[in-house]
Amino acid sequence: MIGWLRRWAERMIEREIARRIEETRRLKEQIERETGEPIRLSEEERAKLERLAEGMDRETLDRISAYGPEATLSRGTSETNSSE
């Protein structure tokens, strides 16, 4: 029973993460459409995101980034951004 409950909880979490990622992308697109400009992060916002990204692998960062893979923060990950 515990295994079933764990799998159910994992599916619920994955579903919620996917929903939030999609909602973030839709809101970003809406803001950019309304303003006609891309969203620009301040240095403080970028630093905060970089701290949150520490220890996350590049694939995960690319998947969850609302700014697209080319803008994903890579500081703190095991890979560098030199190939881009």
N, C-alpha and C. Protein backbone atom coordinates (compact mmCIF):
# COMPACT_ATOMS: atom_id res chain seq x y z
N MET A 1 0.82 -1.21 0.00
CA MET A 1 0.00 0.00 0.00
C MET A 1 0.86 1.27 0.00
N ILE A 2 1.97 1.21 0.72
CA ILE A 2 2.83 2.39 0.78
C ILE A 2 3.42 2.69 -0.59
N GLY A 3 3.81 1.64 -1.34
CA GLY A 3 4.34 1.84 -2.69
C GLY A 3 3.33 2.50 -3.60
N TRP A 4 2.08 2.07 -3.53
CA TRP A 4 1.02 2.65 -4.34
C TRP A 4 0.82 4.12 -3.99
N LEU A 5 0.82 4.41 -2.69
CA LEU A 5 0.63 5.79 -2.24
C LEU A 5 1.79 6.67 -2.70
N ARG A 6 3.01 6.16 -2.63
CA ARG A 6 4.17 6.92 -3.08
C ARG A 6 4.08 7.23 -4.57
N ARG A 7 3.73 6.23 -5.38
CA ARG A 7 3.60 6.45 -6.84
C ARG A 7 2.50 7.45 -7.14
N TRP A 8 1.38 7.38 -6.43
CA TRP A 8 0.29 8.32 -6.62
C TRP A 8 0.76 9.74 -6.29
N ALA A 9 1.45 9.89 -5.15
CA ALA A 9 1.93 11.21 -4.74
C ALA A 9 2.93 11.76 -5.77
N GLU A 10 3.81 10.91 -6.27
CA GLU A 10 4.77 11.35 -7.28
C GLU A 10 4.07 11.81 -8.55
N ARG A 11 3.05 11.09 -8.98
CA ARG A 11 2.29 11.50 -10.18
C ARG A 11 1.59 12.83 -9.95
N MET A 12 1.04 13.03 -8.77
CA MET A 12 0.37 14.30 -8.47
C MET A 12 1.37 15.46 -8.48
N ILE A 13 2.53 15.23 -7.91
CA ILE A 13 3.57 16.27 -7.88
C ILE A 13 4.03 16.58 -9.30
N GLU A 14 4.29 15.55 -10.10
CA GLU A 14 4.72 15.76 -11.48
C GLU A 14 3.67 16.52 -12.28
N ARG A 15 2.41 16.19 -12.07
CA ARG A 15 1.32 16.87 -12.77
C ARG A 15 1.26 18.35 -12.37
N GLU A 16 1.43 18.64 -11.09
CA GLU A 16 1.39 20.02 -10.62
C GLU A 16 2.59 20.81 -11.14
N ILE A 17 3.75 20.20 -11.17
CA ILE A 17 4.93 20.87 -11.72
C ILE A 17 4.71 21.20 -13.19
N ALA A 18 4.20 20.24 -13.96
CA ALA A 18 3.93 20.47 -15.38
C ALA A 18 2.91 21.60 -15.56
N ARG A 19 1.90 21.65 -14.73
CA ARG A 19 0.88 22.70 -14.82
C ARG A 19 1.50 24.07 -14.54
N ARG A 20 2.34 24.14 -13.52
CA ARG A 20 2.95 25.42 -13.17
C ARG A 20 3.95 25.89 -14.23
N ILE A 21 4.68 24.95 -14.82
CA ILE A 21 5.60 25.32 -15.90
C ILE A 21 4.82 25.91 -17.07
N GLU A 22 3.75 25.26 -17.46
CA GLU A 22 2.93 25.76 -18.57
C GLU A 22 2.29 27.10 -18.24
N GLU A 23 1.80 27.26 -17.02
CA GLU A 23 1.19 28.53 -16.62
C GLU A 23 2.22 29.65 -16.66
N THR A 24 3.43 29.38 -16.21
CA THR A 24 4.50 30.39 -16.24
C THR A 24 4.82 30.80 -17.66
N ARG A 25 4.91 29.83 -18.55
CA ARG A 25 5.20 30.15 -19.96
C ARG A 25 4.07 30.97 -20.58
N ARG A 26 2.83 30.62 -20.28
CA ARG A 26 1.70 31.39 -20.83
C ARG A 26 1.71 32.82 -20.31
N LEU A 27 1.96 33.00 -19.02
CA LEU A 27 1.99 34.35 -18.46
C LEU A 27 3.14 35.17 -19.05
N LYS A 28 4.29 34.55 -19.24
CA LYS A 28 5.43 35.24 -19.85
C LYS A 28 5.08 35.69 -21.26
N GLU A 29 4.48 34.79 -22.04
CA GLU A 29 4.08 35.15 -23.40
C GLU A 29 3.06 36.28 -23.41
N GLN A 30 2.11 36.23 -22.48
CA GLN A 30 1.09 37.27 -22.40
C GLN A 30 1.72 38.62 -22.06
N ILE A 31 2.63 38.64 -21.10
CA ILE A 31 3.30 39.90 -20.73
C ILE A 31 4.09 40.44 -21.91
N GLU A 32 4.82 39.56 -22.59
CA GLU A 32 5.61 40.02 -23.73
C GLU A 32 4.74 40.50 -24.88
N ARG A 33 3.60 39.86 -25.08
CA ARG A 33 2.67 40.30 -26.13
C ARG A 33 2.11 41.69 -25.79
N GLU A 34 1.74 41.89 -24.52
CA GLU A 34 1.12 43.15 -24.12
C GLU A 34 2.12 44.31 -24.09
N THR A 35 3.36 44.03 -23.71
CA THR A 35 4.36 45.10 -23.63
C THR A 35 5.15 45.25 -24.92
N GLY A 36 5.18 44.18 -25.73
CA GLY A 36 5.97 44.21 -26.95
C GLY A 36 7.46 44.05 -26.72
N GLU A 37 7.85 43.74 -25.50
CA GLU A 37 9.27 43.58 -25.17
C GLU A 37 9.47 42.31 -24.36
N PRO A 38 10.65 41.71 -24.48
CA PRO A 38 10.93 40.53 -23.65
C PRO A 38 11.10 40.94 -22.18
N ILE A 39 10.84 40.01 -21.30
CA ILE A 39 11.03 40.27 -19.88
C ILE A 39 12.53 40.34 -19.60
N ARG A 40 12.93 41.36 -18.88
CA ARG A 40 14.33 41.54 -18.51
C ARG A 40 14.45 41.34 -16.99
N LEU A 41 15.41 40.53 -16.59
CA LEU A 41 15.65 40.30 -15.17
C LEU A 41 16.68 41.29 -14.65
N SER A 42 16.46 41.76 -13.43
CA SER A 42 17.46 42.61 -12.79
C SER A 42 18.61 41.72 -12.33
N GLU A 43 19.73 42.31 -11.97
CA GLU A 43 20.87 41.54 -11.48
C GLU A 43 20.48 40.77 -10.21
N GLU A 44 19.67 41.39 -9.35
CA GLU A 44 19.24 40.72 -8.12
C GLU A 44 18.36 39.50 -8.43
N GLU A 45 17.44 39.66 -9.39
CA GLU A 45 16.57 38.55 -9.77
C GLU A 45 17.38 37.40 -10.39
N ARG A 46 18.33 37.76 -11.25
CA ARG A 46 19.17 36.75 -11.88
C ARG A 46 20.01 36.02 -10.83
N ALA A 47 20.56 36.76 -9.87
CA ALA A 47 21.37 36.14 -8.81
C ALA A 47 20.53 35.19 -7.97
N LYS A 48 19.29 35.58 -7.68
CA LYS A 48 18.40 34.71 -6.90
C LYS A 48 18.11 33.42 -7.67
N LEU A 49 17.83 33.54 -8.97
CA LEU A 49 17.58 32.35 -9.78
C LEU A 49 18.81 31.47 -9.87
N GLU A 50 19.98 32.08 -9.95
CA GLU A 50 21.21 31.30 -10.00
C GLU A 50 21.42 30.52 -8.70
N ARG A 51 21.11 31.15 -7.56
CA ARG A 51 21.22 30.43 -6.28
C ARG A 51 20.23 29.27 -6.23
N LEU A 52 19.02 29.48 -6.72
CA LEU A 52 18.02 28.41 -6.72
C LEU A 52 18.40 27.28 -7.67
N ALA A 53 19.15 27.60 -8.72
CA ALA A 53 19.53 26.60 -9.72
C ALA A 53 20.72 25.75 -9.29
N GLU A 54 21.40 26.13 -8.22
CA GLU A 54 22.58 25.38 -7.79
C GLU A 54 22.23 23.92 -7.55
N GLY A 55 23.06 23.04 -8.12
CA GLY A 55 22.87 21.61 -7.93
C GLY A 55 21.89 20.96 -8.88
N MET A 56 21.19 21.75 -9.70
CA MET A 56 20.24 21.18 -10.66
C MET A 56 20.99 20.86 -11.94
N ASP A 57 20.65 19.73 -12.56
CA ASP A 57 21.32 19.39 -13.81
C ASP A 57 20.76 20.22 -14.96
N ARG A 58 21.57 20.31 -16.02
CA ARG A 58 21.22 21.17 -17.18
C ARG A 58 19.90 20.75 -17.83
N GLU A 59 19.66 19.45 -17.93
CA GLU A 59 18.43 18.96 -18.57
C GLU A 59 17.19 19.45 -17.82
N THR A 60 17.23 19.39 -16.50
CA THR A 60 16.10 19.86 -15.69
C THR A 60 15.93 21.36 -15.85
N LEU A 61 17.02 22.11 -15.81
CA LEU A 61 16.93 23.56 -15.98
C LEU A 61 16.34 23.93 -17.33
N ASP A 62 16.78 23.23 -18.39
CA ASP A 62 16.24 23.50 -19.72
C ASP A 62 14.74 23.20 -19.78
N ARG A 63 14.33 22.13 -19.09
CA ARG A 63 12.92 21.72 -19.14
C ARG A 63 12.02 22.71 -18.40
N ILE A 64 12.49 23.28 -17.30
CA ILE A 64 11.61 24.14 -16.49
C ILE A 64 11.77 25.62 -16.77
N SER A 65 12.77 26.00 -17.57
CA SER A 65 13.02 27.41 -17.82
C SER A 65 11.90 28.06 -18.61
N ALA A 66 11.39 29.17 -18.11
CA ALA A 66 10.37 29.93 -18.84
C ALA A 66 11.02 30.80 -19.91
N TYR A 67 12.34 30.93 -19.87
CA TYR A 67 13.05 31.77 -20.80
C TYR A 67 13.67 31.00 -21.94
N GLY A 68 13.45 29.70 -22.00
CA GLY A 68 13.99 28.86 -23.06
C GLY A 68 15.36 28.34 -22.71
N PRO A 69 15.77 27.22 -23.35
CA PRO A 69 17.05 26.59 -23.04
C PRO A 69 18.25 27.51 -23.22
N GLU A 70 18.21 28.39 -24.22
CA GLU A 70 19.36 29.25 -24.47
C GLU A 70 19.59 30.26 -23.36
N ALA A 71 18.58 30.53 -22.55
CA ALA A 71 18.71 31.52 -21.48
C ALA A 71 18.80 30.88 -20.10
N THR A 72 18.84 29.57 -20.05
CA THR A 72 18.86 28.88 -18.77
C THR A 72 20.12 29.22 -18.01
N LEU A 73 19.96 29.46 -16.74
CA LEU A 73 21.10 29.75 -15.89
C LEU A 73 21.92 28.49 -15.70
N SER A 74 23.20 28.58 -15.87
CA SER A 74 24.02 27.38 -15.74
C SER A 74 25.01 27.47 -14.60
N ARG A 75 25.17 28.60 -13.98
CA ARG A 75 26.09 28.69 -12.86
C ARG A 75 25.58 27.79 -11.75
N GLY A 76 26.45 27.04 -11.15
CA GLY A 76 26.06 26.13 -10.08
C GLY A 76 25.73 24.74 -10.58
N THR A 77 25.72 24.53 -11.88
CA THR A 77 25.49 23.20 -12.41
C THR A 77 26.82 22.57 -12.77
N SER A 78 26.79 21.30 -13.08
CA SER A 78 28.03 20.60 -13.38
C SER A 78 28.54 20.89 -14.78
N GLU A 79 27.72 21.48 -15.63
CA GLU A 79 28.13 21.78 -17.00
C GLU A 79 28.33 23.28 -17.16
N THR A 80 29.16 23.65 -18.13
CA THR A 80 29.38 25.06 -18.39
C THR A 80 28.58 25.50 -19.59
N ASN A 81 28.55 26.77 -19.80
CA ASN A 81 27.79 27.36 -20.90
C ASN A 81 28.69 27.65 -22.09
N SER A 82 29.92 27.14 -22.10
CA SER A 82 30.88 27.51 -23.14
C SER A 82 30.52 26.98 -24.51
N SER A 83 29.68 25.93 -24.60
CA SER A 83 29.34 25.37 -25.89
C SER A 83 28.23 26.13 -26.60
N GLU A 84 27.66 27.11 -25.95
CA GLU A 84 26.54 27.87 -26.56
C GLU A 84 27.02 29.14 -27.17
